N, C-alpha and C. Protein backbone atom coordinates (compact mmCIF):
# COMPACT_ATOMS: atom_id res chain seq x y z
N MET A 1 -81.33 -60.51 44.02
CA MET A 1 -80.62 -59.41 43.17
C MET A 1 -79.81 -58.55 44.23
N ILE A 2 -78.63 -58.35 43.82
CA ILE A 2 -77.62 -57.64 44.68
C ILE A 2 -77.98 -56.15 44.67
N ALA A 3 -77.68 -55.46 45.76
CA ALA A 3 -78.04 -54.05 45.96
C ALA A 3 -77.06 -53.18 45.14
N LEU A 4 -77.65 -52.01 44.79
CA LEU A 4 -76.85 -51.07 44.04
C LEU A 4 -75.67 -50.53 44.89
N SER A 5 -75.73 -50.57 46.13
CA SER A 5 -74.66 -50.10 46.98
C SER A 5 -73.48 -51.13 46.86
N ALA A 6 -73.86 -52.40 46.76
CA ALA A 6 -72.79 -53.38 46.72
C ALA A 6 -72.14 -53.39 45.26
N ILE A 7 -72.87 -53.07 44.25
CA ILE A 7 -72.40 -52.93 42.96
C ILE A 7 -71.28 -51.70 42.93
N GLY A 8 -71.84 -50.54 43.45
CA GLY A 8 -70.99 -49.42 43.50
C GLY A 8 -69.72 -49.60 44.32
N GLY A 9 -69.82 -50.33 45.43
CA GLY A 9 -68.68 -50.55 46.32
C GLY A 9 -67.59 -51.38 45.62
N VAL A 10 -68.09 -52.49 44.99
CA VAL A 10 -67.12 -53.37 44.13
C VAL A 10 -66.44 -52.59 43.09
N ALA A 11 -67.31 -51.77 42.36
CA ALA A 11 -66.80 -51.05 41.26
C ALA A 11 -65.65 -50.06 41.80
N LEU A 12 -65.81 -49.34 42.85
CA LEU A 12 -64.87 -48.36 43.38
C LEU A 12 -63.70 -49.09 43.86
N VAL A 13 -63.81 -50.23 44.52
CA VAL A 13 -62.67 -50.93 45.01
C VAL A 13 -61.79 -51.53 43.81
N GLU A 14 -62.47 -52.12 42.80
CA GLU A 14 -61.70 -52.57 41.68
C GLU A 14 -61.09 -51.32 40.86
N LEU A 15 -61.73 -50.27 40.81
CA LEU A 15 -61.16 -49.18 40.12
C LEU A 15 -59.80 -48.64 40.81
N GLY A 16 -59.82 -48.68 42.12
CA GLY A 16 -58.58 -48.32 42.92
C GLY A 16 -57.43 -49.37 42.73
N MET A 17 -57.92 -50.64 42.71
CA MET A 17 -56.86 -51.65 42.50
C MET A 17 -56.30 -51.76 41.15
N ALA A 18 -57.16 -51.50 40.15
CA ALA A 18 -56.73 -51.52 38.67
C ALA A 18 -55.80 -50.38 38.37
N LEU A 19 -56.00 -49.27 39.13
CA LEU A 19 -55.20 -48.14 38.81
C LEU A 19 -53.80 -48.19 39.58
N THR A 20 -53.69 -49.14 40.49
CA THR A 20 -52.36 -49.38 41.19
C THR A 20 -51.48 -50.06 40.29
N PRO A 21 -50.19 -49.66 40.08
CA PRO A 21 -49.25 -50.44 39.20
C PRO A 21 -49.09 -51.89 39.73
N GLY A 22 -49.30 -52.89 38.88
CA GLY A 22 -49.31 -54.26 39.30
C GLY A 22 -48.91 -55.07 38.02
N PRO A 23 -48.89 -56.50 38.29
CA PRO A 23 -48.53 -57.33 37.12
C PRO A 23 -49.30 -57.20 35.82
N ASN A 24 -50.68 -57.01 36.00
CA ASN A 24 -51.51 -56.83 34.83
C ASN A 24 -51.11 -55.60 34.03
N MET A 25 -51.02 -54.49 34.73
CA MET A 25 -50.66 -53.16 34.11
C MET A 25 -49.38 -53.22 33.44
N ILE A 26 -48.32 -53.81 34.12
CA ILE A 26 -47.06 -53.85 33.53
C ILE A 26 -47.01 -54.71 32.28
N HIS A 27 -47.65 -55.90 32.35
CA HIS A 27 -47.56 -56.78 31.25
C HIS A 27 -48.28 -56.20 30.00
N LEU A 28 -49.48 -55.67 30.22
CA LEU A 28 -50.27 -55.20 29.09
C LEU A 28 -49.60 -53.97 28.47
N ALA A 29 -49.05 -53.07 29.27
CA ALA A 29 -48.43 -51.87 28.74
C ALA A 29 -47.13 -52.31 28.05
N SER A 30 -46.39 -53.21 28.51
CA SER A 30 -45.16 -53.57 27.89
C SER A 30 -45.50 -54.31 26.50
N ARG A 31 -46.47 -55.11 26.44
CA ARG A 31 -46.79 -55.78 25.20
C ARG A 31 -47.31 -54.85 24.20
N ALA A 32 -48.20 -53.87 24.54
CA ALA A 32 -48.69 -52.85 23.66
C ALA A 32 -47.54 -52.03 23.07
N ILE A 33 -46.51 -51.71 23.90
CA ILE A 33 -45.48 -50.93 23.41
C ILE A 33 -44.58 -51.64 22.48
N THR A 34 -44.21 -52.95 22.84
CA THR A 34 -43.28 -53.60 21.99
C THR A 34 -43.88 -54.26 20.75
N GLN A 35 -45.11 -54.60 20.79
CA GLN A 35 -45.68 -55.31 19.53
C GLN A 35 -46.96 -54.58 19.06
N GLY A 36 -47.32 -53.53 19.69
CA GLY A 36 -48.55 -52.77 19.07
C GLY A 36 -49.83 -53.11 19.83
N ARG A 37 -50.77 -52.26 19.57
CA ARG A 37 -52.05 -52.45 20.28
C ARG A 37 -52.78 -53.75 20.05
N ARG A 38 -52.57 -54.37 18.88
CA ARG A 38 -53.27 -55.69 18.63
C ARG A 38 -52.68 -56.63 19.59
N ALA A 39 -51.35 -56.68 19.79
CA ALA A 39 -50.84 -57.58 20.79
C ALA A 39 -51.31 -57.31 22.06
N GLY A 40 -51.51 -56.06 22.53
CA GLY A 40 -52.03 -55.67 23.78
C GLY A 40 -53.45 -56.21 23.98
N LEU A 41 -54.26 -56.18 22.87
CA LEU A 41 -55.65 -56.64 23.01
C LEU A 41 -55.57 -58.10 23.15
N VAL A 42 -54.75 -58.86 22.51
CA VAL A 42 -54.64 -60.35 22.62
C VAL A 42 -54.29 -60.71 24.04
N SER A 43 -53.29 -59.94 24.64
CA SER A 43 -52.97 -60.19 26.00
C SER A 43 -54.13 -59.86 26.94
N LEU A 44 -54.83 -58.80 26.61
CA LEU A 44 -56.00 -58.30 27.51
C LEU A 44 -57.05 -59.46 27.52
N SER A 45 -57.17 -60.14 26.40
CA SER A 45 -58.12 -61.27 26.33
C SER A 45 -57.75 -62.39 27.28
N GLY A 46 -56.55 -62.63 27.34
CA GLY A 46 -56.00 -63.66 28.35
C GLY A 46 -56.25 -63.17 29.79
N THR A 47 -56.05 -61.90 30.02
CA THR A 47 -56.37 -61.32 31.36
C THR A 47 -57.80 -61.53 31.65
N ALA A 48 -58.62 -61.22 30.72
CA ALA A 48 -60.13 -61.37 30.91
C ALA A 48 -60.45 -62.90 31.35
N VAL A 49 -59.94 -63.82 30.57
CA VAL A 49 -60.14 -65.15 30.97
C VAL A 49 -59.62 -65.50 32.36
N GLY A 50 -58.46 -64.95 32.70
CA GLY A 50 -58.01 -65.06 34.06
C GLY A 50 -59.03 -64.63 35.09
N PHE A 51 -59.53 -63.50 34.83
CA PHE A 51 -60.74 -62.98 35.83
C PHE A 51 -61.86 -64.01 35.91
N VAL A 52 -62.22 -64.50 34.73
CA VAL A 52 -63.38 -65.55 34.75
C VAL A 52 -62.97 -66.80 35.50
N CYS A 53 -61.72 -67.27 35.40
CA CYS A 53 -61.31 -68.42 36.16
C CYS A 53 -61.37 -68.19 37.70
N TYR A 54 -60.94 -66.93 38.09
CA TYR A 54 -61.10 -66.73 39.47
C TYR A 54 -62.57 -66.62 39.94
N LEU A 55 -63.32 -66.09 39.07
CA LEU A 55 -64.76 -65.92 39.44
C LEU A 55 -65.38 -67.26 39.64
N LEU A 56 -65.18 -68.23 38.68
CA LEU A 56 -65.75 -69.56 38.71
C LEU A 56 -65.20 -70.31 39.94
N ALA A 57 -63.86 -70.13 40.27
CA ALA A 57 -63.25 -70.78 41.35
C ALA A 57 -63.86 -70.27 42.72
N SER A 58 -64.13 -69.03 42.74
CA SER A 58 -64.72 -68.38 43.99
C SER A 58 -66.13 -68.88 44.09
N ALA A 59 -66.88 -68.99 43.09
CA ALA A 59 -68.22 -69.48 43.07
C ALA A 59 -68.26 -70.86 43.54
N ALA A 60 -67.19 -71.71 43.24
CA ALA A 60 -67.04 -73.07 43.65
C ALA A 60 -66.55 -73.26 45.06
N GLY A 61 -66.14 -72.18 45.69
CA GLY A 61 -65.85 -72.24 47.12
C GLY A 61 -64.32 -71.93 47.43
N LEU A 62 -63.71 -71.05 46.62
CA LEU A 62 -62.37 -70.76 46.91
C LEU A 62 -62.20 -70.09 48.34
N SER A 63 -63.08 -69.14 48.68
CA SER A 63 -63.03 -68.49 49.97
C SER A 63 -63.19 -69.55 51.11
N ALA A 64 -64.07 -70.47 50.97
CA ALA A 64 -64.22 -71.51 51.89
C ALA A 64 -63.02 -72.32 52.08
N LEU A 65 -62.33 -72.65 50.92
CA LEU A 65 -61.15 -73.41 50.91
C LEU A 65 -60.05 -72.73 51.81
N PHE A 66 -59.84 -71.37 51.48
CA PHE A 66 -58.81 -70.63 52.19
C PHE A 66 -59.07 -70.75 53.67
N THR A 67 -60.29 -70.55 54.04
CA THR A 67 -60.77 -70.48 55.48
C THR A 67 -60.51 -71.92 56.11
N ALA A 68 -60.94 -73.05 55.46
CA ALA A 68 -60.76 -74.33 56.06
C ALA A 68 -59.36 -74.82 55.96
N VAL A 69 -58.51 -74.42 54.89
CA VAL A 69 -57.27 -74.91 54.77
C VAL A 69 -56.25 -73.72 54.69
N PRO A 70 -55.89 -73.21 55.83
CA PRO A 70 -55.01 -71.92 55.85
C PRO A 70 -53.71 -72.05 55.02
N VAL A 71 -53.24 -73.31 54.96
CA VAL A 71 -51.96 -73.40 54.20
C VAL A 71 -52.15 -73.11 52.78
N ALA A 72 -53.37 -73.38 52.30
CA ALA A 72 -53.64 -73.06 50.78
C ALA A 72 -53.53 -71.58 50.60
N TYR A 73 -54.15 -70.75 51.59
CA TYR A 73 -53.98 -69.32 51.45
C TYR A 73 -52.49 -68.86 51.54
N THR A 74 -51.86 -69.47 52.40
CA THR A 74 -50.39 -69.14 52.62
C THR A 74 -49.55 -69.43 51.39
N VAL A 75 -49.85 -70.53 50.72
CA VAL A 75 -49.15 -70.86 49.51
C VAL A 75 -49.42 -69.78 48.37
N VAL A 76 -50.69 -69.43 48.26
CA VAL A 76 -51.08 -68.35 47.22
C VAL A 76 -50.50 -67.03 47.59
N LYS A 77 -50.48 -66.71 48.97
CA LYS A 77 -49.88 -65.54 49.37
C LYS A 77 -48.42 -65.29 49.07
N LEU A 78 -47.68 -66.35 49.34
CA LEU A 78 -46.21 -66.25 49.24
C LEU A 78 -45.81 -66.39 47.77
N ALA A 79 -46.52 -67.18 46.98
CA ALA A 79 -46.25 -67.28 45.58
C ALA A 79 -46.45 -65.87 44.94
N GLY A 80 -47.54 -65.29 45.27
CA GLY A 80 -47.83 -63.97 44.73
C GLY A 80 -46.90 -62.90 45.10
N ALA A 81 -46.43 -62.94 46.48
CA ALA A 81 -45.51 -61.99 47.04
C ALA A 81 -44.19 -62.19 46.29
N ALA A 82 -43.77 -63.39 46.07
CA ALA A 82 -42.50 -63.66 45.34
C ALA A 82 -42.53 -63.14 43.96
N TYR A 83 -43.68 -63.29 43.26
CA TYR A 83 -43.81 -62.81 41.87
C TYR A 83 -43.76 -61.30 41.84
N LEU A 84 -44.50 -60.66 42.85
CA LEU A 84 -44.51 -59.16 42.87
C LEU A 84 -43.08 -58.70 43.09
N GLY A 85 -42.38 -59.38 44.03
CA GLY A 85 -40.96 -59.01 44.42
C GLY A 85 -40.05 -59.08 43.05
N TYR A 86 -40.21 -60.13 42.33
CA TYR A 86 -39.42 -60.31 41.11
C TYR A 86 -39.77 -59.18 40.14
N LEU A 87 -41.02 -58.81 39.95
CA LEU A 87 -41.34 -57.68 39.08
C LEU A 87 -40.73 -56.37 39.60
N ALA A 88 -40.73 -56.20 40.96
CA ALA A 88 -40.25 -54.98 41.48
C ALA A 88 -38.77 -54.86 41.27
N TRP A 89 -38.07 -55.93 41.54
CA TRP A 89 -36.67 -55.99 41.26
C TRP A 89 -36.18 -55.78 39.81
N GLY A 90 -36.98 -56.16 38.91
CA GLY A 90 -36.75 -56.01 37.49
C GLY A 90 -36.74 -54.49 37.12
N MET A 91 -37.52 -53.68 37.93
CA MET A 91 -37.59 -52.24 37.71
C MET A 91 -36.59 -51.49 38.50
N LEU A 92 -36.25 -51.91 39.72
CA LEU A 92 -35.37 -51.15 40.65
C LEU A 92 -33.93 -51.51 40.47
N LYS A 93 -33.64 -52.58 39.90
CA LYS A 93 -32.17 -53.04 39.85
C LYS A 93 -31.46 -52.09 38.86
N PRO A 94 -30.18 -51.84 38.98
CA PRO A 94 -29.35 -51.09 38.03
C PRO A 94 -29.71 -51.58 36.54
N GLY A 95 -30.08 -50.62 35.70
CA GLY A 95 -30.42 -50.97 34.38
C GLY A 95 -31.80 -51.54 34.16
N GLY A 96 -32.65 -51.45 35.21
CA GLY A 96 -33.99 -51.98 35.17
C GLY A 96 -34.90 -51.28 34.28
N ARG A 97 -35.96 -51.77 33.74
CA ARG A 97 -36.78 -51.23 32.83
C ARG A 97 -38.19 -50.83 33.32
N SER A 98 -38.53 -49.61 32.98
CA SER A 98 -39.98 -49.17 33.20
C SER A 98 -41.00 -49.91 32.35
N PRO A 99 -42.23 -50.15 32.95
CA PRO A 99 -43.22 -50.81 32.12
C PRO A 99 -43.57 -50.05 30.84
N PHE A 100 -43.30 -48.66 30.89
CA PHE A 100 -43.55 -47.86 29.76
C PHE A 100 -42.33 -47.52 28.92
N ALA A 101 -41.19 -48.22 29.16
CA ALA A 101 -40.00 -47.92 28.38
C ALA A 101 -40.16 -48.60 27.03
N PRO A 102 -39.76 -47.84 26.01
CA PRO A 102 -39.81 -48.52 24.63
C PRO A 102 -38.79 -49.64 24.61
N ALA A 103 -39.16 -50.86 24.06
CA ALA A 103 -38.41 -52.02 23.98
C ALA A 103 -38.55 -52.67 22.61
N GLN A 104 -38.23 -51.91 21.62
CA GLN A 104 -38.46 -52.41 20.25
C GLN A 104 -37.53 -53.63 19.84
N ASP A 105 -36.44 -53.80 20.71
CA ASP A 105 -35.53 -54.84 20.42
C ASP A 105 -36.07 -56.24 20.81
N LEU A 106 -37.12 -56.35 21.53
CA LEU A 106 -37.60 -57.58 21.98
C LEU A 106 -38.26 -58.42 20.74
N PRO A 107 -38.09 -59.69 20.63
CA PRO A 107 -38.68 -60.41 19.56
C PRO A 107 -40.18 -60.48 19.64
N PRO A 108 -40.86 -60.60 18.53
CA PRO A 108 -42.29 -60.65 18.64
C PRO A 108 -42.75 -62.04 19.08
N VAL A 109 -44.00 -62.11 19.72
CA VAL A 109 -44.42 -63.29 20.35
C VAL A 109 -45.79 -63.63 19.71
N SER A 110 -46.06 -64.96 19.49
CA SER A 110 -47.27 -65.39 18.83
C SER A 110 -48.53 -64.95 19.63
N ASP A 111 -49.64 -65.01 18.87
CA ASP A 111 -50.91 -64.68 19.60
C ASP A 111 -51.18 -65.67 20.74
N ALA A 112 -50.86 -66.98 20.44
CA ALA A 112 -51.05 -67.98 21.47
C ALA A 112 -50.22 -67.68 22.75
N ARG A 113 -49.04 -67.20 22.55
CA ARG A 113 -48.11 -66.93 23.61
C ARG A 113 -48.59 -65.73 24.37
N LEU A 114 -49.03 -64.71 23.58
CA LEU A 114 -49.53 -63.48 24.25
C LEU A 114 -50.72 -63.78 25.02
N PHE A 115 -51.64 -64.62 24.58
CA PHE A 115 -52.85 -64.94 25.31
C PHE A 115 -52.46 -65.64 26.57
N SER A 116 -51.62 -66.66 26.50
CA SER A 116 -51.26 -67.51 27.68
C SER A 116 -50.54 -66.76 28.67
N MET A 117 -49.63 -65.71 28.22
CA MET A 117 -48.90 -64.95 29.15
C MET A 117 -49.90 -63.99 29.94
N GLY A 118 -50.80 -63.35 29.14
CA GLY A 118 -51.78 -62.60 29.75
C GLY A 118 -52.62 -63.37 30.85
N LEU A 119 -52.98 -64.62 30.51
CA LEU A 119 -53.78 -65.47 31.47
C LEU A 119 -52.93 -65.75 32.68
N LEU A 120 -51.74 -66.21 32.44
CA LEU A 120 -50.85 -66.57 33.58
C LEU A 120 -50.46 -65.43 34.47
N THR A 121 -50.25 -64.38 33.81
CA THR A 121 -49.96 -63.11 34.65
C THR A 121 -51.10 -62.80 35.64
N ASN A 122 -52.32 -62.92 35.11
CA ASN A 122 -53.44 -62.64 35.97
C ASN A 122 -53.73 -63.64 37.03
N LEU A 123 -53.60 -64.92 36.62
CA LEU A 123 -53.70 -66.00 37.63
C LEU A 123 -52.70 -65.98 38.75
N LEU A 124 -51.57 -65.35 38.43
CA LEU A 124 -50.58 -65.27 39.49
C LEU A 124 -50.56 -63.87 40.23
N ASN A 125 -51.49 -63.06 39.92
CA ASN A 125 -51.59 -61.79 40.50
C ASN A 125 -52.27 -61.86 41.83
N PRO A 126 -51.55 -61.64 42.93
CA PRO A 126 -52.07 -61.81 44.31
C PRO A 126 -53.17 -60.87 44.71
N LYS A 127 -53.24 -59.64 43.93
CA LYS A 127 -54.28 -58.75 44.24
C LYS A 127 -55.61 -59.31 43.78
N ILE A 128 -55.69 -60.06 42.72
CA ILE A 128 -56.83 -60.64 42.14
C ILE A 128 -57.33 -61.91 43.07
N ALA A 129 -56.28 -62.64 43.47
CA ALA A 129 -56.62 -63.82 44.38
C ALA A 129 -57.28 -63.27 45.65
N LEU A 130 -56.63 -62.35 46.29
CA LEU A 130 -57.25 -61.77 47.49
C LEU A 130 -58.51 -61.18 47.42
N LEU A 131 -58.64 -60.44 46.28
CA LEU A 131 -59.98 -59.72 45.94
C LEU A 131 -61.06 -60.70 45.92
N TYR A 132 -60.97 -61.83 45.27
CA TYR A 132 -61.96 -62.86 45.17
C TYR A 132 -62.09 -63.61 46.40
N ALA A 133 -61.05 -63.91 47.05
CA ALA A 133 -61.06 -64.80 48.25
C ALA A 133 -61.60 -64.07 49.52
N ALA A 134 -61.26 -62.67 49.62
CA ALA A 134 -61.55 -61.97 50.83
C ALA A 134 -62.45 -60.83 50.77
N LEU A 135 -62.40 -60.11 49.55
CA LEU A 135 -63.13 -58.81 49.52
C LEU A 135 -64.56 -58.94 48.98
N LEU A 136 -64.75 -59.63 47.89
CA LEU A 136 -66.05 -59.73 47.29
C LEU A 136 -67.12 -60.20 48.24
N PRO A 137 -66.73 -61.33 49.03
CA PRO A 137 -67.75 -61.75 50.02
C PRO A 137 -68.25 -60.73 50.99
N GLN A 138 -67.52 -59.66 51.26
CA GLN A 138 -67.90 -58.74 52.20
C GLN A 138 -69.15 -57.90 51.69
N PHE A 139 -69.37 -57.98 50.37
CA PHE A 139 -70.47 -57.16 49.79
C PHE A 139 -71.66 -58.05 49.55
N MET A 140 -71.66 -59.23 50.13
CA MET A 140 -72.76 -60.15 49.93
C MET A 140 -73.73 -60.03 51.10
N ASP A 141 -75.03 -60.19 50.81
CA ASP A 141 -76.09 -60.07 51.74
C ASP A 141 -76.89 -61.41 51.83
N PRO A 142 -77.02 -61.98 52.91
CA PRO A 142 -77.78 -63.27 53.05
C PRO A 142 -79.22 -63.07 52.54
N GLN A 143 -79.77 -61.86 52.53
CA GLN A 143 -81.04 -61.67 52.14
C GLN A 143 -81.30 -61.50 50.64
N SER A 144 -80.12 -61.42 49.95
CA SER A 144 -80.13 -61.14 48.50
C SER A 144 -80.02 -62.36 47.66
N GLY A 145 -80.21 -63.59 48.21
CA GLY A 145 -80.23 -64.77 47.36
C GLY A 145 -79.10 -65.70 47.58
N PRO A 146 -78.92 -66.72 46.87
CA PRO A 146 -77.78 -67.65 47.01
C PRO A 146 -76.43 -66.94 46.93
N ALA A 147 -75.54 -67.43 47.77
CA ALA A 147 -74.15 -66.81 47.74
C ALA A 147 -73.47 -66.89 46.43
N TRP A 148 -73.60 -68.06 45.75
CA TRP A 148 -72.96 -68.28 44.49
C TRP A 148 -73.54 -67.24 43.36
N ALA A 149 -74.78 -67.04 43.51
CA ALA A 149 -75.44 -66.12 42.40
C ALA A 149 -74.90 -64.67 42.70
N GLN A 150 -74.82 -64.22 43.95
CA GLN A 150 -74.34 -62.92 44.27
C GLN A 150 -72.93 -62.79 43.83
N LEU A 151 -72.11 -63.80 44.14
CA LEU A 151 -70.70 -63.78 43.83
C LEU A 151 -70.49 -63.59 42.29
N LEU A 152 -71.24 -64.38 41.52
CA LEU A 152 -71.18 -64.21 40.06
C LEU A 152 -71.51 -62.78 39.61
N GLN A 153 -72.59 -62.17 40.16
CA GLN A 153 -72.90 -60.82 39.73
C GLN A 153 -71.90 -59.82 40.24
N LEU A 154 -71.37 -59.98 41.34
CA LEU A 154 -70.34 -58.94 41.82
C LEU A 154 -69.00 -59.23 41.04
N GLY A 155 -68.72 -60.49 40.67
CA GLY A 155 -67.57 -60.75 39.97
C GLY A 155 -67.69 -60.10 38.56
N CYS A 156 -68.90 -60.21 37.94
CA CYS A 156 -69.05 -59.60 36.70
C CYS A 156 -68.83 -58.00 36.65
N VAL A 157 -69.30 -57.46 37.76
CA VAL A 157 -68.93 -55.96 37.90
C VAL A 157 -67.43 -55.77 37.94
N GLN A 158 -66.78 -56.55 38.79
CA GLN A 158 -65.26 -56.41 38.97
C GLN A 158 -64.59 -56.65 37.50
N ILE A 159 -65.09 -57.61 36.77
CA ILE A 159 -64.42 -57.97 35.54
C ILE A 159 -64.64 -56.75 34.47
N VAL A 160 -65.84 -56.20 34.36
CA VAL A 160 -66.18 -55.08 33.54
C VAL A 160 -65.18 -53.94 33.89
N VAL A 161 -65.12 -53.57 35.10
CA VAL A 161 -64.35 -52.41 35.53
C VAL A 161 -62.83 -52.66 35.31
N GLY A 162 -62.37 -53.89 35.67
CA GLY A 162 -60.99 -54.25 35.57
C GLY A 162 -60.55 -54.22 34.06
N ILE A 163 -61.33 -54.85 33.17
CA ILE A 163 -60.96 -54.88 31.76
C ILE A 163 -60.96 -53.52 31.23
N THR A 164 -61.93 -52.68 31.55
CA THR A 164 -62.09 -51.33 30.97
C THR A 164 -60.95 -50.60 31.38
N VAL A 165 -60.46 -50.50 32.65
CA VAL A 165 -59.30 -49.75 33.04
C VAL A 165 -58.02 -50.29 32.43
N ASN A 166 -57.86 -51.54 32.44
CA ASN A 166 -56.61 -52.17 31.86
C ASN A 166 -56.55 -51.90 30.38
N GLY A 167 -57.73 -51.91 29.70
CA GLY A 167 -57.73 -51.65 28.20
C GLY A 167 -57.40 -50.25 27.92
N VAL A 168 -57.89 -49.27 28.78
CA VAL A 168 -57.57 -47.86 28.59
C VAL A 168 -56.09 -47.62 28.78
N ILE A 169 -55.48 -48.23 29.76
CA ILE A 169 -54.05 -48.12 30.07
C ILE A 169 -53.23 -48.71 28.91
N MET A 170 -53.74 -49.90 28.48
CA MET A 170 -53.04 -50.59 27.37
C MET A 170 -53.02 -49.74 26.07
N LEU A 171 -54.15 -49.18 25.77
CA LEU A 171 -54.24 -48.40 24.45
C LEU A 171 -53.50 -47.07 24.54
N GLY A 172 -53.25 -46.48 25.83
CA GLY A 172 -52.62 -45.33 25.93
C GLY A 172 -51.04 -45.49 26.20
N ALA A 173 -50.62 -46.74 26.37
CA ALA A 173 -49.30 -47.02 26.83
C ALA A 173 -48.30 -46.45 25.78
N ALA A 174 -48.55 -46.57 24.52
CA ALA A 174 -47.64 -46.12 23.48
C ALA A 174 -47.35 -44.74 23.58
N ARG A 175 -48.47 -43.94 23.77
CA ARG A 175 -48.44 -42.52 23.85
C ARG A 175 -47.64 -42.07 25.11
N VAL A 176 -47.94 -42.71 26.29
CA VAL A 176 -47.24 -42.46 27.47
C VAL A 176 -45.72 -42.70 27.30
N SER A 177 -45.44 -43.88 26.64
CA SER A 177 -44.04 -44.13 26.38
C SER A 177 -43.32 -43.13 25.61
N GLY A 178 -43.97 -42.57 24.60
CA GLY A 178 -43.35 -41.57 23.78
C GLY A 178 -43.04 -40.34 24.52
N PHE A 179 -43.99 -39.99 25.46
CA PHE A 179 -43.88 -38.72 26.30
C PHE A 179 -42.61 -38.98 27.24
N LEU A 180 -42.52 -40.16 27.89
CA LEU A 180 -41.45 -40.46 28.89
C LEU A 180 -40.09 -40.60 28.20
N ALA A 181 -40.14 -41.09 26.94
CA ALA A 181 -38.79 -41.32 26.23
C ALA A 181 -38.04 -40.02 26.02
N THR A 182 -38.71 -38.85 25.98
CA THR A 182 -38.06 -37.61 25.79
C THR A 182 -37.69 -36.89 27.04
N ARG A 183 -38.10 -37.48 28.21
CA ARG A 183 -37.91 -37.00 29.56
C ARG A 183 -37.28 -38.11 30.45
N PRO A 184 -36.01 -38.33 30.31
CA PRO A 184 -35.32 -39.45 31.07
C PRO A 184 -35.51 -39.35 32.58
N ARG A 185 -35.55 -38.13 33.11
CA ARG A 185 -35.68 -38.05 34.58
C ARG A 185 -37.03 -38.53 35.04
N VAL A 186 -38.07 -38.08 34.25
CA VAL A 186 -39.41 -38.51 34.53
C VAL A 186 -39.50 -39.96 34.39
N MET A 187 -38.89 -40.58 33.37
CA MET A 187 -38.90 -42.07 33.23
C MET A 187 -38.26 -42.79 34.35
N THR A 188 -37.18 -42.23 34.92
CA THR A 188 -36.49 -42.83 36.04
C THR A 188 -37.41 -42.80 37.29
N ALA A 189 -37.98 -41.56 37.43
CA ALA A 189 -38.84 -41.39 38.69
C ALA A 189 -40.07 -42.41 38.56
N GLN A 190 -40.57 -42.54 37.33
CA GLN A 190 -41.76 -43.39 37.13
C GLN A 190 -41.34 -44.80 37.47
N ARG A 191 -40.18 -45.17 36.96
CA ARG A 191 -39.67 -46.55 37.19
C ARG A 191 -39.51 -46.94 38.67
N PHE A 192 -38.91 -45.97 39.38
CA PHE A 192 -38.60 -46.23 40.80
C PHE A 192 -39.94 -46.18 41.62
N ALA A 193 -40.88 -45.30 41.20
CA ALA A 193 -42.12 -45.21 41.86
C ALA A 193 -42.94 -46.50 41.75
N SER A 194 -42.98 -47.06 40.47
CA SER A 194 -43.71 -48.22 40.19
C SER A 194 -43.06 -49.41 40.86
N GLY A 195 -41.76 -49.49 40.75
CA GLY A 195 -40.97 -50.63 41.40
C GLY A 195 -41.16 -50.58 42.98
N GLY A 196 -41.13 -49.32 43.47
CA GLY A 196 -41.23 -49.26 44.94
C GLY A 196 -42.72 -49.68 45.40
N MET A 197 -43.73 -49.32 44.61
CA MET A 197 -44.99 -49.62 45.01
C MET A 197 -45.20 -51.11 44.95
N LEU A 198 -44.65 -51.77 43.87
CA LEU A 198 -44.70 -53.28 43.76
C LEU A 198 -44.01 -53.91 44.97
N GLY A 199 -42.81 -53.34 45.33
CA GLY A 199 -42.08 -53.94 46.43
C GLY A 199 -42.84 -53.84 47.66
N ILE A 200 -43.44 -52.65 47.95
CA ILE A 200 -44.34 -52.49 49.16
C ILE A 200 -45.36 -53.44 49.21
N PHE A 201 -46.05 -53.63 48.07
CA PHE A 201 -47.22 -54.57 48.08
C PHE A 201 -46.77 -56.05 48.24
N ALA A 202 -45.58 -56.34 47.77
CA ALA A 202 -44.99 -57.65 47.90
C ALA A 202 -44.73 -57.96 49.40
N LEU A 203 -44.20 -57.01 50.14
CA LEU A 203 -43.91 -57.17 51.53
C LEU A 203 -45.22 -57.23 52.34
N ARG A 204 -46.20 -56.37 51.98
CA ARG A 204 -47.46 -56.35 52.65
C ARG A 204 -48.17 -57.66 52.51
N THR A 205 -48.07 -58.27 51.26
CA THR A 205 -48.72 -59.55 51.00
C THR A 205 -48.04 -60.69 51.78
N ALA A 206 -46.68 -60.63 51.84
CA ALA A 206 -45.95 -61.78 52.43
C ALA A 206 -46.17 -61.71 54.01
N LEU A 207 -46.30 -60.51 54.49
CA LEU A 207 -46.37 -60.39 55.99
C LEU A 207 -47.73 -60.41 56.53
N SER A 208 -48.79 -60.38 55.68
CA SER A 208 -50.16 -60.43 56.09
C SER A 208 -50.52 -61.68 56.72
N ARG A 209 -51.31 -61.61 57.83
CA ARG A 209 -51.61 -62.95 58.52
C ARG A 209 -52.84 -63.64 58.03
N GLY A 210 -53.62 -62.87 57.26
CA GLY A 210 -54.81 -63.54 56.70
C GLY A 210 -55.22 -62.68 55.53
N PRO A 211 -56.35 -63.03 54.86
CA PRO A 211 -56.79 -62.38 53.66
C PRO A 211 -57.00 -60.89 53.90
N VAL A 212 -56.46 -60.06 52.94
CA VAL A 212 -56.48 -58.63 53.10
C VAL A 212 -57.94 -58.17 52.88
N SER A 213 -58.37 -57.24 53.82
CA SER A 213 -59.73 -56.70 53.68
C SER A 213 -59.59 -55.26 53.53
N THR A 214 -60.60 -54.60 52.94
CA THR A 214 -60.53 -53.12 52.72
C THR A 214 -61.80 -52.46 53.20
């Protein structure tokens, strides 16, 4: 059985990461605003499955793979950095859009597409890849049982916190969008702040020499 301190540590780390603007937050907020809360919930279910995929891959030895084959980590790192850079540019470029900007002109997307986009966005999220590959193992104790069992328990903690935070953000996205729509300067500041944070994280990810630790 894992220690309560490990559970608390993982919960706090995931809370901080989930509250940082990233691919999941941007995607879920955008979908909830453009197609409503139901679409946001379908996208959120895809995000949840993405978490489970990472958890199962980690239990199967993702961390060991990255350690044994450094090029695998490099590929994940650079792909994630490029994806974050793309999202950052989408907000920072002239005429860029904030994740909370109303976009009612976008065509509706089917539930299957919403689910798959939520899943893919999470699977390509470098924060989640590095969390499972490098951070969760730091909360494991050799005296607390098999490594895979501890990883599954810690991963479940991360998933509960992550889905809860993302769900709250998604459900409140429409209200935040309405607030910002009447305050263009605040909307612009929010767009540049979010894009800047994504850009910084993209550079940090691309230039890191190994798995990020906290």
